[in-house]
Amino acid sequence: MRPPSPTARRVAAVSVSLVLAAGAAACGPEDNDAKASGGDSAPHKGGTLTVLNSQPQQDFDPARLYTSGGGNVPSLVFRTLTTRNRENGAAGAEVVPDLATDTGRPNKDATVWTYTLKKGLKYEDGTAITSADIKYGVERSFAPELSGGAPYLRDWLVGAADYQGPYKDKKGLSAIETPDERTIVFHLNKPEGEFPYLATQTQFTPVPKSKDTGTKYEDHPVSSGPYKVVSNQNDGEHLVLARNPNWSASTDAERKAYPDKIDVRSGLDSSVINQRLSASQGADAAAVTTDTNLGPAELAKVSGDKQLAARVGTGHFGYTNYLAFNPNVKPFDNAKVRQAISYAIDRSSVINAAGGSALAEPATTFLPDQKSFGYTPYDLFPAGETGNAAKAKALLKEAGHPNGLTVTLTHSNSKDFETSPEIATAVQDALKKAGITVKLQGLEDNDYSDKIHDVKTEPGFFLAHWGADWPSGGPFLAPIFDGRQIVRDGANFNTGFLDDTSVNTEIDAINKLTDLDAAAKRWGALDKKIGEQALTVPLFHPVYKRLYGENVKNIVISDWTGVLDISQVAVK
């Protein structure tokens, strides 16, 4: 997943996955007991759930969304071959069947994946969902006018690199076979043991060809999930969903679909959202947010009120904030300089700048500290809580800088508590103790993103972040450290320009594994091996704190998304 920032929703939450988008040791919510879930009575069906968001749910077409696990609001309408497990914490980082009977059956080398659809699947109009509809849904995601989704299919499917979608090429993709109405087979260019994770993306949503209206399909996509679109105003700014009468819970073990109606209102200021959720007046008592966190000041206020504190959901998402080096720029071509900065960093001050320990947890590994990523604890350049200035100075002397040195740190001017001036200043202060003078270069967010992702303009030292497309080490490590993913003429994310044959070979070897637990262990070992080259300095993993209305029940927050799952919510 590309970093879930305003300029890139290839993440986290990206799109509202991220949504990008967008994990830590204390996995899952800290407050998901009966009291925090809105009372101790069982959840029941009925009522209207209001969703108050800052970002509109744009491009509400399964081809155009970049979501993980099916997304949050999107997964109410769009079902996929597989989906995320709708459970709290670590259990929620597992991939499970959705439209399919299982998570997929690979051939011996994981280059062919076969799925069988469940019986009795229907669209909102009562017609049957077929394997041909899923094939067509995947194919239309290749149409240039419907771009925006995850890029993996173009790379992974045989013969898909230059495919332009069914509007221009009606023959379709031969890499996808549908031998009967319930069977679909995918042929891949190379082994991909994590294909079940990819099959959670909305591009695997069935779309009936006869109902496809091209770029206007987002206004009323045909529902395969528990809710259908009643209205979509101003490109997702106000989205109203009502029950799909032809959805059957017997075919869907994941979505609870308690409310009768979902009213999504976006374009709101984050402070207004939190004020409304705090007050819980009228319809806001049955309201949640899927994209707005509590800030440091708001959290301090909420923490002092026991009733409000009981209505805060806490979550972790696979996401790391870090310092990045360009080893092609002096003095960062010297590994000892990079190591010196690693030792000098004061993570306590960085975490304070990020909002405090309630909103950020220290990181010494690039991989988030969750089991599904293969988290393997290591601290190769131990700085302690406040930095090891003496060790940093010694390394600088060895590197030929006995009197220290001056460097420039590039950051965003966006007040995001991630790559923003507050974090940059904390780094500046810490490095000063080690004799490193840091000049700050703040850029507007779009300029910042363009600069750090272009090989021609990438600075030597800058703040960065990365979120996972799914909870595994693969989409976390490969885009940043696989030398074959260095992009010379577009958006490049391998900022350290690492092209190590042993690393590339291990990535390929792990990708062949269909035993995801075994793969996770090897991702963790690879993380440590890469970490020895000091191409990044992991700083912290964010913690998500989000309010919900006093009449909201059944709070579920998985480590896949780190945020409240509205498919599980009930209202009084």
Protein backbone atom coordinates (compact mmCIF):
# COMPACT_ATOMS: atom_id res chain seq x y z
CA MET A 1 0.00 0.00 0.00
CA ARG A 2 1.35 3.32 -0.85
CA PRO A 3 1.59 5.72 2.10
CA PRO A 4 -1.92 6.71 3.18
CA SER A 5 -1.46 10.44 2.81
CA PRO A 6 -3.63 12.96 0.95
CA THR A 7 -1.39 12.50 -2.08
CA ALA A 8 -1.43 8.73 -2.20
CA ARG A 9 -4.19 6.38 -1.38
CA ARG A 10 -2.53 3.33 -2.67
CA VAL A 11 -2.82 2.64 1.24
CA ALA A 12 -4.02 2.47 3.62
CA ALA A 13 -6.58 3.37 3.90
CA VAL A 14 -6.00 4.35 1.69
CA SER A 15 -9.33 5.07 -0.48
CA VAL A 16 -11.05 4.17 2.68
CA SER A 17 -9.15 1.05 3.33
CA LEU A 18 -6.39 2.96 4.36
CA VAL A 19 -6.60 3.68 3.86
CA LEU A 20 -5.65 3.46 3.45
CA ALA A 21 -4.03 4.02 4.59
CA ALA A 22 -3.04 2.77 6.17
CA GLY A 23 -0.04 -2.28 13.68
CA ALA A 24 1.82 -2.61 16.88
CA ALA A 25 2.64 -4.99 19.70
CA ALA A 26 -0.47 -4.43 21.77
CA CYS A 27 -2.61 -5.79 18.96
CA GLY A 28 -6.25 -4.81 18.73
CA PRO A 29 -8.54 -2.64 20.81
CA GLU A 30 -7.88 -2.08 24.46
CA ASP A 31 -11.54 -1.45 25.15
CA ASN A 32 -13.61 -4.05 23.34
CA ASP A 33 -15.34 -5.53 26.33
CA ALA A 34 -19.13 -5.40 26.80
CA LYS A 35 -19.10 -1.97 28.41
CA ALA A 36 -16.98 -0.40 25.70
CA SER A 37 -19.06 -2.09 23.04
CA GLY A 38 -22.06 -0.03 24.01
CA GLY A 39 -23.63 -1.95 26.85
CA ASP A 40 -24.04 -5.56 27.88
CA SER A 41 -27.22 -6.43 25.98
CA ALA A 42 -26.94 -8.40 22.75
CA PRO A 43 -26.79 -6.37 19.53
CA HIS A 44 -30.00 -6.34 17.51
CA LYS A 45 -31.09 -5.41 14.01
CA GLY A 46 -32.63 -2.09 13.10
CA GLY A 47 -32.01 1.63 13.16
CA THR A 48 -29.74 3.94 11.18
CA LEU A 49 -25.98 4.07 11.54
CA THR A 50 -24.49 7.47 10.68
CA VAL A 51 -20.89 7.68 9.46
CA LEU A 52 -19.18 11.06 9.92
CA ASN A 53 -16.03 11.37 7.79
CA SER A 54 -13.65 14.04 6.62
CA GLN A 55 -12.85 12.43 3.27
CA PRO A 56 -15.66 11.59 0.81
CA GLN A 57 -16.05 8.00 -0.37
CA GLN A 58 -15.02 8.90 -3.92
CA ASP A 59 -14.97 6.62 -6.96
CA PHE A 60 -17.49 4.18 -5.50
CA ASP A 61 -16.78 1.66 -8.23
CA PRO A 62 -15.07 -1.63 -7.30
CA ALA A 63 -12.65 -1.23 -10.21
CA ARG A 64 -11.42 2.17 -9.01
CA LEU A 65 -11.08 1.63 -5.27
CA TYR A 66 -7.73 0.90 -3.66
CA THR A 67 -8.78 -0.93 -0.53
CA SER A 68 -7.42 -3.66 1.68
CA GLY A 69 -9.58 -6.51 2.88
CA GLY A 70 -12.50 -5.14 0.88
CA GLY A 71 -12.49 -1.76 2.57
CA ASN A 72 -14.86 -0.48 5.24
CA VAL A 73 -17.85 1.26 3.65
CA PRO A 74 -17.19 -0.49 0.30
CA SER A 75 -17.39 -3.97 1.83
CA LEU A 76 -21.01 -3.31 2.79
CA VAL A 77 -21.89 -3.28 -0.92
CA PHE A 78 -19.08 -5.21 -2.58
CA ARG A 79 -18.28 -8.81 -1.73
CA THR A 80 -15.04 -10.34 -2.99
CA LEU A 81 -13.60 -13.84 -3.41
CA THR A 82 -11.92 -13.57 -0.01
CA THR A 83 -12.05 -10.96 2.75
CA ARG A 84 -10.56 -10.08 6.11
CA ASN A 85 -11.62 -11.95 9.22
CA ARG A 86 -13.95 -9.65 11.14
CA GLU A 87 -12.46 -10.24 14.58
CA ASN A 88 -10.67 -8.12 17.16
CA GLY A 89 -6.91 -7.77 17.18
CA ALA A 90 -4.54 -10.34 15.70
CA ALA A 91 -7.31 -12.76 14.69
CA GLY A 92 -8.61 -10.06 12.39
CA ALA A 93 -5.40 -10.09 10.35
CA GLU A 94 -6.35 -13.43 8.78
CA VAL A 95 -7.76 -13.84 5.29
CA VAL A 96 -11.01 -15.86 5.07
CA PRO A 97 -13.45 -16.92 2.33
CA ASP A 98 -16.17 -14.51 1.18
CA LEU A 99 -17.89 -15.34 -2.11
CA ALA A 100 -15.63 -18.38 -2.44
CA THR A 101 -15.88 -21.61 -0.48
CA ASP A 102 -12.26 -21.33 0.64
CA THR A 103 -9.28 -18.98 0.35
CA GLY A 104 -8.16 -20.57 -2.91
CA ARG A 105 -6.55 -23.78 -4.10
CA PRO A 106 -3.06 -23.32 -5.59
CA ASN A 107 -1.23 -25.65 -7.90
CA LYS A 108 2.14 -27.03 -6.80
CA ASP A 109 4.14 -23.84 -7.47
CA ALA A 110 1.37 -21.31 -6.66
CA THR A 111 1.16 -20.01 -10.24
CA VAL A 112 -2.45 -21.19 -10.71
CA TRP A 113 -5.21 -20.42 -8.21
CA THR A 114 -8.68 -21.96 -8.38
CA TYR A 115 -11.82 -20.77 -6.57
CA THR A 116 -15.30 -22.23 -6.29
CA LEU A 117 -18.22 -19.89 -5.55
CA LYS A 118 -20.70 -20.66 -2.80
CA LYS A 119 -24.16 -21.76 -3.83
CA GLY A 120 -27.08 -19.34 -3.67
CA LEU A 121 -25.18 -16.07 -4.20
CA LYS A 122 -27.39 -13.27 -5.55
CA TYR A 123 -27.25 -9.62 -6.56
CA GLU A 124 -29.65 -7.01 -5.20
CA ASP A 125 -32.06 -7.71 -8.10
CA GLY A 126 -32.19 -11.43 -7.29
CA THR A 127 -30.13 -12.65 -10.23
CA ALA A 128 -27.39 -15.19 -9.60
CA ILE A 129 -23.75 -14.21 -9.17
CA THR A 130 -21.51 -16.22 -11.50
CA SER A 131 -17.80 -16.75 -12.00
CA ALA A 132 -18.09 -14.90 -15.34
CA ASP A 133 -19.20 -11.81 -13.40
CA ILE A 134 -16.04 -11.92 -11.27
CA LYS A 135 -13.89 -12.37 -14.37
CA TYR A 136 -15.62 -9.36 -15.96
CA GLY A 137 -15.20 -7.33 -12.76
CA VAL A 138 -11.45 -7.98 -12.80
CA GLU A 139 -11.19 -7.20 -16.52
CA ARG A 140 -12.98 -3.87 -16.32
CA SER A 141 -10.49 -2.76 -13.63
CA PHE A 142 -7.90 -2.64 -16.45
CA ALA A 143 -9.87 0.02 -18.36
CA PRO A 144 -7.94 3.32 -18.33
CA GLU A 145 -11.12 5.26 -17.53
CA LEU A 146 -11.60 3.11 -14.40
CA SER A 147 -8.05 3.35 -13.05
CA GLY A 148 -7.19 3.75 -9.39
CA GLY A 149 -7.21 0.22 -8.03
CA ALA A 150 -4.30 -1.89 -6.83
CA PRO A 151 -1.64 -2.48 -9.54
CA TYR A 152 -0.86 -6.11 -8.75
CA LEU A 153 -3.17 -7.75 -11.28
CA ARG A 154 -1.43 -6.14 -14.23
CA ASP A 155 1.89 -7.53 -12.97
CA TRP A 156 0.70 -10.92 -11.77
CA LEU A 157 -1.74 -12.18 -14.42
CA VAL A 158 -0.33 -13.85 -17.52
CA GLY A 159 -0.57 -11.57 -20.55
CA ALA A 160 -2.14 -8.69 -18.63
CA ALA A 161 0.66 -6.10 -18.86
CA ASP A 162 -0.82 -4.30 -21.89
CA TYR A 163 -4.48 -5.21 -21.49
CA GLN A 164 -6.82 -2.19 -21.79
CA GLY A 165 -10.04 -3.63 -20.40
CA PRO A 166 -13.21 -5.09 -21.98
CA TYR A 167 -14.43 -1.81 -23.53
CA LYS A 168 -11.47 -1.82 -25.93
CA ASP A 169 -10.58 -5.52 -25.95
CA LYS A 170 -13.71 -7.64 -25.84
CA LYS A 171 -11.76 -10.92 -25.95
CA GLY A 172 -10.92 -10.50 -22.29
CA LEU A 173 -8.05 -11.99 -20.34
CA SER A 174 -7.17 -15.58 -21.20
CA ALA A 175 -5.35 -15.76 -17.85
CA ILE A 176 -8.76 -15.97 -16.16
CA GLU A 177 -10.81 -19.07 -16.94
CA THR A 178 -14.41 -19.81 -15.97
CA PRO A 179 -15.03 -23.47 -16.82
CA ASP A 180 -18.47 -23.30 -15.22
CA GLU A 181 -20.71 -20.80 -13.40
CA ARG A 182 -19.14 -21.47 -10.00
CA THR A 183 -15.45 -21.97 -10.89
CA ILE A 184 -12.83 -19.35 -11.66
CA VAL A 185 -9.13 -20.00 -12.34
CA PHE A 186 -6.28 -17.44 -12.34
CA HIS A 187 -2.99 -18.07 -14.17
CA LEU A 188 -0.05 -16.05 -12.82
CA ASN A 189 3.32 -15.06 -14.27
CA LYS A 190 5.16 -16.21 -11.17
CA PRO A 191 4.47 -17.94 -7.85
CA GLU A 192 2.35 -15.83 -5.51
CA GLY A 193 1.55 -17.56 -2.24
CA GLU A 194 -0.29 -14.46 -1.02
CA PHE A 195 -2.86 -14.42 -3.83
CA PRO A 196 -5.67 -14.99 -1.25
CA TYR A 197 -4.79 -11.58 0.23
CA LEU A 198 -4.99 -9.91 -3.18
CA ALA A 199 -8.40 -11.52 -3.73
CA THR A 200 -9.75 -9.32 -0.91
CA GLN A 201 -9.37 -6.22 -3.13
CA THR A 202 -12.59 -4.83 -4.59
CA GLN A 203 -11.40 -5.58 -8.13
CA PHE A 204 -12.57 -9.14 -7.37
CA THR A 205 -16.14 -7.92 -6.89
CA PRO A 206 -18.63 -9.48 -9.35
CA VAL A 207 -20.06 -7.03 -11.89
CA PRO A 208 -22.89 -8.11 -14.22
CA LYS A 209 -21.85 -7.10 -17.73
CA SER A 210 -25.42 -6.20 -18.69
CA LYS A 211 -25.60 -3.65 -15.84
CA ASP A 212 -22.20 -2.04 -16.41
CA THR A 213 -22.57 1.68 -17.14
CA GLY A 214 -18.86 2.44 -17.37
CA THR A 215 -17.78 5.58 -15.52
CA LYS A 216 -21.33 6.09 -14.24
CA TYR A 217 -21.43 2.67 -12.56
CA GLU A 218 -20.26 4.28 -9.32
CA ASP A 219 -23.60 6.10 -9.01
CA HIS A 220 -25.43 2.81 -8.53
CA PRO A 221 -23.17 -0.25 -8.53
CA VAL A 222 -25.05 -3.54 -8.35
CA SER A 223 -24.75 -4.83 -4.80
CA SER A 224 -23.48 -8.27 -3.88
CA GLY A 225 -23.27 -7.36 -0.18
CA PRO A 226 -25.78 -6.75 2.62
CA TYR A 227 -26.50 -3.14 1.56
CA LYS A 228 -27.34 -1.44 -1.73
CA VAL A 229 -26.77 2.15 -2.81
CA VAL A 230 -29.87 4.31 -2.48
CA SER A 231 -28.15 7.58 -3.37
CA ASN A 232 -24.64 8.87 -4.03
CA GLN A 233 -24.35 12.65 -4.00
CA ASN A 234 -21.32 14.76 -4.98
CA ASP A 235 -19.06 11.78 -5.69
CA GLY A 236 -19.39 10.09 -2.33
CA GLU A 237 -19.84 13.14 -0.13
CA HIS A 238 -23.26 11.86 0.95
CA LEU A 239 -23.83 8.14 0.48
CA VAL A 240 -27.01 6.40 1.64
CA LEU A 241 -27.19 2.62 1.85
CA ALA A 242 -30.23 0.44 2.57
CA ARG A 243 -30.66 -3.30 3.03
CA ASN A 244 -30.14 -5.57 0.04
CA PRO A 245 -33.17 -7.90 0.30
CA ASN A 246 -31.42 -10.63 -1.68
CA TRP A 247 -28.32 -10.83 0.49
CA SER A 248 -28.32 -13.95 2.63
CA ALA A 249 -26.46 -14.24 5.90
CA SER A 250 -26.23 -17.99 5.25
CA THR A 251 -23.65 -17.26 2.52
CA ASP A 252 -21.82 -14.55 4.47
CA ALA A 253 -20.18 -15.44 7.78
CA GLU A 254 -18.37 -12.10 8.08
CA ARG A 255 -20.83 -9.21 7.82
CA LYS A 256 -23.44 -8.82 10.58
CA ALA A 257 -25.56 -6.14 8.83
CA TYR A 258 -27.39 -5.03 11.97
CA PRO A 259 -28.57 -1.50 10.98
CA ASP A 260 -31.38 -1.06 8.46
CA LYS A 261 -29.70 1.98 6.93
CA ILE A 262 -26.20 3.44 6.64
CA ASP A 263 -25.94 7.23 6.18
CA VAL A 264 -22.40 8.32 5.24
CA ARG A 265 -21.75 12.07 5.46
CA SER A 266 -18.33 13.40 4.47
CA GLY A 267 -16.45 16.64 3.89
CA LEU A 268 -16.57 17.47 7.60
CA ASP A 269 -13.81 19.10 9.62
CA SER A 270 -12.11 16.58 11.91
CA SER A 271 -12.70 18.71 15.00
CA VAL A 272 -16.40 18.96 14.14
CA ILE A 273 -16.61 15.18 13.76
CA ASN A 274 -15.08 14.60 17.18
CA GLN A 275 -17.27 17.27 18.78
CA ARG A 276 -20.40 15.68 17.35
CA LEU A 277 -19.38 12.17 18.42
CA SER A 278 -18.50 13.48 21.87
CA ALA A 279 -21.86 15.22 22.31
CA SER A 280 -23.83 12.28 20.83
CA GLN A 281 -26.93 14.36 20.26
CA GLY A 282 -29.81 13.07 18.14
CA ALA A 283 -28.65 10.93 15.20
CA ASP A 284 -25.04 11.44 16.29
CA ALA A 285 -25.63 9.09 19.22
CA ALA A 286 -25.65 6.30 16.63
CA ALA A 287 -22.66 7.61 14.69
CA VAL A 288 -19.09 6.47 14.02
CA THR A 289 -16.16 7.66 11.92
CA THR A 290 -13.98 5.54 9.69
CA ASP A 291 -11.29 8.13 8.97
CA THR A 292 -10.92 10.63 11.82
CA ASN A 293 -8.62 10.12 14.78
CA LEU A 294 -8.55 11.93 18.07
CA GLY A 295 -5.68 14.42 18.16
CA PRO A 296 -3.41 14.92 21.19
CA ALA A 297 -5.47 17.78 22.66
CA GLU A 298 -8.77 16.00 22.07
CA LEU A 299 -7.44 12.78 23.54
CA ALA A 300 -6.32 14.59 26.69
CA LYS A 301 -9.84 15.97 27.12
CA VAL A 302 -11.49 12.62 26.45
CA SER A 303 -9.16 10.77 28.81
CA GLY A 304 -10.32 12.96 31.68
CA ASP A 305 -13.95 11.93 31.17
CA LYS A 306 -14.71 8.30 32.07
CA GLN A 307 -17.88 8.16 30.01
CA LEU A 308 -16.16 9.52 26.92
CA ALA A 309 -13.08 7.35 27.47
CA ALA A 310 -15.35 4.30 27.42
CA ARG A 311 -16.36 5.30 23.88
CA VAL A 312 -12.88 5.32 22.38
CA GLY A 313 -11.88 2.48 20.10
CA THR A 314 -8.14 1.74 19.97
CA GLY A 315 -6.58 0.06 16.98
CA HIS A 316 -3.30 -0.76 15.29
CA PHE A 317 -2.61 -0.97 11.58
CA GLY A 318 0.48 -2.25 9.76
CA TYR A 319 2.22 1.07 9.33
CA THR A 320 5.69 2.48 10.05
CA ASN A 321 6.98 6.05 10.19
CA TYR A 322 10.69 6.29 9.50
CA LEU A 323 13.69 8.31 8.39
CA ALA A 324 14.91 7.48 4.89
CA PHE A 325 18.39 7.87 3.40
CA ASN A 326 19.42 8.24 -0.22
CA PRO A 327 22.88 6.57 -0.29
CA ASN A 328 23.61 8.26 -3.61
CA VAL A 329 23.82 11.61 -1.82
CA LYS A 330 26.80 12.49 0.38
CA PRO A 331 27.38 12.01 3.28
CA PHE A 332 24.71 9.29 3.36
CA ASP A 333 26.75 7.13 1.00
CA ASN A 334 28.78 6.28 4.10
CA ALA A 335 27.08 3.54 6.13
CA LYS A 336 28.73 4.79 9.33
CA VAL A 337 27.02 8.17 8.93
CA ARG A 338 23.67 6.41 8.56
CA GLN A 339 24.44 4.28 11.60
CA ALA A 340 25.44 7.35 13.60
CA ILE A 341 22.08 8.96 12.92
CA SER A 342 20.38 5.70 13.89
CA TYR A 343 22.15 5.76 17.26
CA ALA A 344 21.50 9.48 17.80
CA ILE A 345 17.74 9.39 17.37
CA ASP A 346 15.63 10.21 20.43
CA ARG A 347 12.45 8.18 20.00
CA SER A 348 10.89 9.59 23.16
CA SER A 349 10.94 13.12 21.76
CA VAL A 350 9.73 11.87 18.36
CA ILE A 351 6.80 10.08 19.99
CA ASN A 352 5.94 13.19 21.99
CA ALA A 353 5.95 15.15 18.73
CA ALA A 354 3.61 12.54 17.23
CA GLY A 355 1.06 13.10 19.99
CA GLY A 356 2.42 11.06 22.88
CA SER A 357 2.62 7.39 23.80
CA ALA A 358 -1.15 6.94 23.48
CA LEU A 359 -0.93 7.74 19.75
CA ALA A 360 2.48 6.34 18.81
CA GLU A 361 4.63 3.38 19.81
CA PRO A 362 8.43 3.25 19.30
CA ALA A 363 9.78 1.23 16.36
CA THR A 364 13.23 -0.29 15.93
CA THR A 365 12.18 -2.70 13.14
CA PHE A 366 10.90 -1.73 9.72
CA LEU A 367 8.12 -4.33 9.88
CA PRO A 368 5.23 -3.46 12.20
CA ASP A 369 5.23 -5.48 15.39
CA GLN A 370 2.40 -7.84 14.50
CA LYS A 371 2.61 -11.59 14.06
CA SER A 372 1.06 -11.59 10.60
CA PHE A 373 3.94 -9.48 9.26
CA GLY A 374 6.49 -11.87 10.71
CA TYR A 375 7.65 -9.32 13.27
CA THR A 376 11.06 -10.33 14.62
CA PRO A 377 12.32 -8.05 17.40
CA TYR A 378 15.68 -6.44 16.79
CA ASP A 379 17.45 -3.19 17.61
CA LEU A 380 20.64 -3.08 15.57
CA PHE A 381 21.62 0.44 16.61
CA PRO A 382 20.31 0.74 20.17
CA ALA A 383 19.69 4.37 20.98
CA GLY A 384 17.79 3.82 24.20
CA GLU A 385 14.84 6.08 24.88
CA THR A 386 16.70 9.35 24.39
CA GLY A 387 19.47 8.56 21.90
CA ASN A 388 23.08 7.47 22.21
CA ALA A 389 24.99 10.62 21.31
CA ALA A 390 28.38 9.22 22.40
CA LYS A 391 28.14 6.20 20.08
CA ALA A 392 26.96 8.46 17.25
CA LYS A 393 29.94 10.81 17.69
CA ALA A 394 32.34 7.86 17.68
CA LEU A 395 30.93 6.59 14.40
CA LEU A 396 31.07 10.05 12.86
CA LYS A 397 34.75 10.24 13.76
CA GLU A 398 35.33 6.86 12.09
CA ALA A 399 33.47 8.19 9.04
CA GLY A 400 35.84 11.17 8.79
CA HIS A 401 33.67 13.76 10.55
CA PRO A 402 35.36 14.26 13.96
CA ASN A 403 33.88 17.75 14.25
CA GLY A 404 30.36 16.69 13.28
CA LEU A 405 28.58 17.57 10.06
CA THR A 406 25.64 19.51 8.65
CA VAL A 407 22.77 17.81 6.79
CA THR A 408 19.36 18.77 5.43
CA LEU A 409 16.18 16.95 6.47
CA THR A 410 13.23 17.21 4.07
CA HIS A 411 9.73 16.98 5.50
CA SER A 412 6.14 17.87 4.73
CA ASN A 413 4.49 21.03 6.06
CA SER A 414 1.25 19.08 6.48
CA LYS A 415 0.13 18.88 10.12
CA ASP A 416 -0.13 15.09 10.04
CA PHE A 417 2.07 14.25 13.08
CA GLU A 418 3.99 11.88 10.79
CA THR A 419 6.20 13.67 8.29
CA SER A 420 5.41 17.12 9.63
CA PRO A 421 7.47 19.93 11.20
CA GLU A 422 6.92 18.61 14.74
CA ILE A 423 8.61 15.30 13.93
CA ALA A 424 11.37 17.00 11.95
CA THR A 425 12.15 19.35 14.82
CA ALA A 426 12.39 16.44 17.27
CA VAL A 427 14.90 14.74 14.96
CA GLN A 428 16.81 18.01 14.60
CA ASP A 429 17.11 18.42 18.36
CA ALA A 430 18.28 14.84 18.94
CA LEU A 431 20.96 14.92 16.25
CA LYS A 432 22.31 18.22 17.55
CA LYS A 433 23.44 16.40 20.71
CA ALA A 434 25.58 14.14 18.52
CA GLY A 435 27.20 17.05 16.71
CA ILE A 436 24.98 16.85 13.66
CA THR A 437 23.46 20.16 12.58
CA VAL A 438 20.17 19.58 10.79
CA LYS A 439 18.73 22.17 8.44
CA LEU A 440 15.01 21.66 7.84
CA GLN A 441 13.46 21.81 4.39
CA GLY A 442 9.68 21.93 4.67
CA LEU A 443 7.59 21.45 1.53
CA GLU A 444 3.88 21.60 0.81
CA ASP A 445 2.48 18.09 0.78
CA ASN A 446 2.20 17.60 -2.99
CA ASP A 447 5.69 19.02 -3.57
CA TYR A 448 7.06 16.85 -0.78
CA SER A 449 5.53 13.68 -2.24
CA ASP A 450 6.72 14.49 -5.75
CA LYS A 451 10.26 15.22 -4.57
CA ILE A 452 10.85 12.14 -2.44
CA HIS A 453 9.35 9.71 -4.98
CA ASP A 454 11.32 10.91 -8.02
CA VAL A 455 14.77 9.35 -8.46
CA LYS A 456 16.00 12.58 -10.04
CA THR A 457 15.02 14.79 -7.11
CA GLU A 458 15.04 12.47 -4.10
CA PRO A 459 16.83 14.22 -1.20
CA GLY A 460 19.52 12.58 0.87
CA PHE A 461 17.60 12.56 4.16
CA PHE A 462 13.84 12.78 4.66
CA LEU A 463 10.82 11.67 6.66
CA ALA A 464 8.72 8.87 5.17
CA HIS A 465 6.04 6.35 6.04
CA TRP A 466 4.61 3.12 4.66
CA GLY A 467 1.39 1.17 5.15
CA ALA A 468 0.53 -2.38 4.17
CA ASP A 469 -1.82 -3.39 1.36
CA TRP A 470 -2.51 -6.47 3.45
CA PRO A 471 -1.10 -7.76 6.75
CA SER A 472 2.04 -9.49 5.53
CA GLY A 473 5.71 -8.67 5.11
CA GLY A 474 5.49 -8.96 1.32
CA PRO A 475 3.74 -5.72 0.40
CA PHE A 476 5.70 -4.04 3.16
CA LEU A 477 9.26 -5.00 2.28
CA ALA A 478 9.19 -5.61 -1.49
CA PRO A 479 8.19 -2.12 -2.71
CA ILE A 480 10.82 -0.50 -0.47
CA PHE A 481 13.73 -2.94 -0.80
CA ASP A 482 13.32 -5.08 -3.95
CA GLY A 483 15.83 -3.75 -6.49
CA ARG A 484 13.59 -4.75 -9.38
CA GLN A 485 10.97 -2.32 -8.13
CA ILE A 486 13.18 0.75 -8.51
CA VAL A 487 11.21 3.03 -10.84
CA ARG A 488 13.34 5.39 -12.92
CA ASP A 489 10.54 7.19 -14.76
CA GLY A 490 7.67 7.30 -12.26
CA ALA A 491 6.83 7.08 -8.57
CA ASN A 492 9.70 5.23 -6.89
CA PHE A 493 9.39 3.85 -3.34
CA ASN A 494 12.71 1.99 -3.09
CA THR A 495 14.22 5.18 -1.70
CA GLY A 496 17.45 3.49 -0.58
CA PHE A 497 18.01 2.14 -4.12
CA LEU A 498 18.75 -1.26 -2.62
CA ASP A 499 19.35 -3.86 -5.34
CA ASP A 500 20.80 -6.79 -3.44
CA THR A 501 20.61 -10.10 -5.29
CA SER A 502 20.30 -12.08 -2.06
CA VAL A 503 17.39 -9.88 -0.93
CA ASN A 504 15.64 -10.13 -4.30
CA THR A 505 16.10 -13.91 -4.35
CA GLU A 506 14.70 -14.31 -0.85
CA ILE A 507 11.66 -12.21 -1.75
CA ASP A 508 10.98 -14.55 -4.67
CA ALA A 509 11.45 -17.61 -2.47
CA ILE A 510 9.04 -16.36 0.19
CA ASN A 511 6.45 -15.43 -2.44
CA LYS A 512 6.31 -19.09 -3.45
CA LEU A 513 5.14 -20.15 0.01
CA THR A 514 1.44 -20.82 0.51
CA ASP A 515 2.02 -21.52 4.21
CA LEU A 516 1.55 -17.94 5.36
CA ASP A 517 2.88 -18.61 8.88
CA ALA A 518 6.11 -19.98 7.44
CA ALA A 519 6.30 -17.03 5.07
CA ALA A 520 5.82 -14.59 7.95
CA LYS A 521 8.86 -15.97 9.80
CA ARG A 522 11.02 -15.50 6.75
CA TRP A 523 9.77 -11.96 6.17
CA GLY A 524 10.85 -11.19 9.74
CA ALA A 525 14.32 -12.61 9.18
CA LEU A 526 14.65 -10.66 5.93
CA ASP A 527 13.63 -7.46 7.71
CA LYS A 528 16.53 -7.86 10.11
CA LYS A 529 18.97 -8.62 7.29
CA ILE A 530 17.95 -5.50 5.40
CA GLY A 531 18.04 -3.45 8.60
CA GLU A 532 21.77 -4.11 8.92
CA GLN A 533 22.35 -1.81 5.93
CA ALA A 534 20.87 1.18 7.84
CA LEU A 535 18.92 2.51 4.86
CA THR A 536 16.11 3.62 7.15
CA VAL A 537 15.65 4.58 10.79
CA PRO A 538 12.30 3.22 12.05
CA LEU A 539 10.72 5.79 14.36
CA PHE A 540 7.23 4.77 15.44
CA HIS A 541 4.02 2.93 14.65
CA PRO A 542 0.81 5.00 14.96
CA VAL A 543 -2.05 4.06 17.27
CA TYR A 544 -5.58 4.95 16.20
CA LYS A 545 -7.96 6.39 18.77
CA ARG A 546 -11.48 7.04 17.51
CA LEU A 547 -14.66 8.07 19.24
CA TYR A 548 -18.05 6.51 18.56
CA GLY A 549 -21.57 7.50 19.58
CA GLU A 550 -23.10 6.41 22.87
CA ASN A 551 -25.71 4.21 21.17
CA VAL A 552 -23.21 2.27 19.07
CA LYS A 553 -22.68 -1.37 20.02
CA ASN A 554 -20.55 -4.35 19.02
CA ILE A 555 -17.20 -2.65 18.43
CA VAL A 556 -14.75 -4.79 16.46
CA ILE A 557 -11.29 -3.46 15.55
CA SER A 558 -8.93 -5.80 13.73
CA ASP A 559 -5.20 -5.51 13.17
CA TRP A 560 -5.91 -5.62 9.43
CA THR A 561 -7.46 -2.14 9.39
CA GLY A 562 -6.86 -0.75 12.89
CA VAL A 563 -10.25 0.97 12.82
CA LEU A 564 -13.83 0.18 13.78
CA ASP A 565 -15.43 -2.30 11.37
CA ILE A 566 -18.85 -0.93 10.45
CA SER A 567 -19.98 -4.31 9.10
CA GLN A 568 -20.14 -5.46 12.75
CA VAL A 569 -21.77 -2.42 14.36
CA ALA A 570 -25.26 -2.33 15.84
CA VAL A 571 -27.19 0.71 17.08
CA LYS A 572 -29.79 1.04 19.81
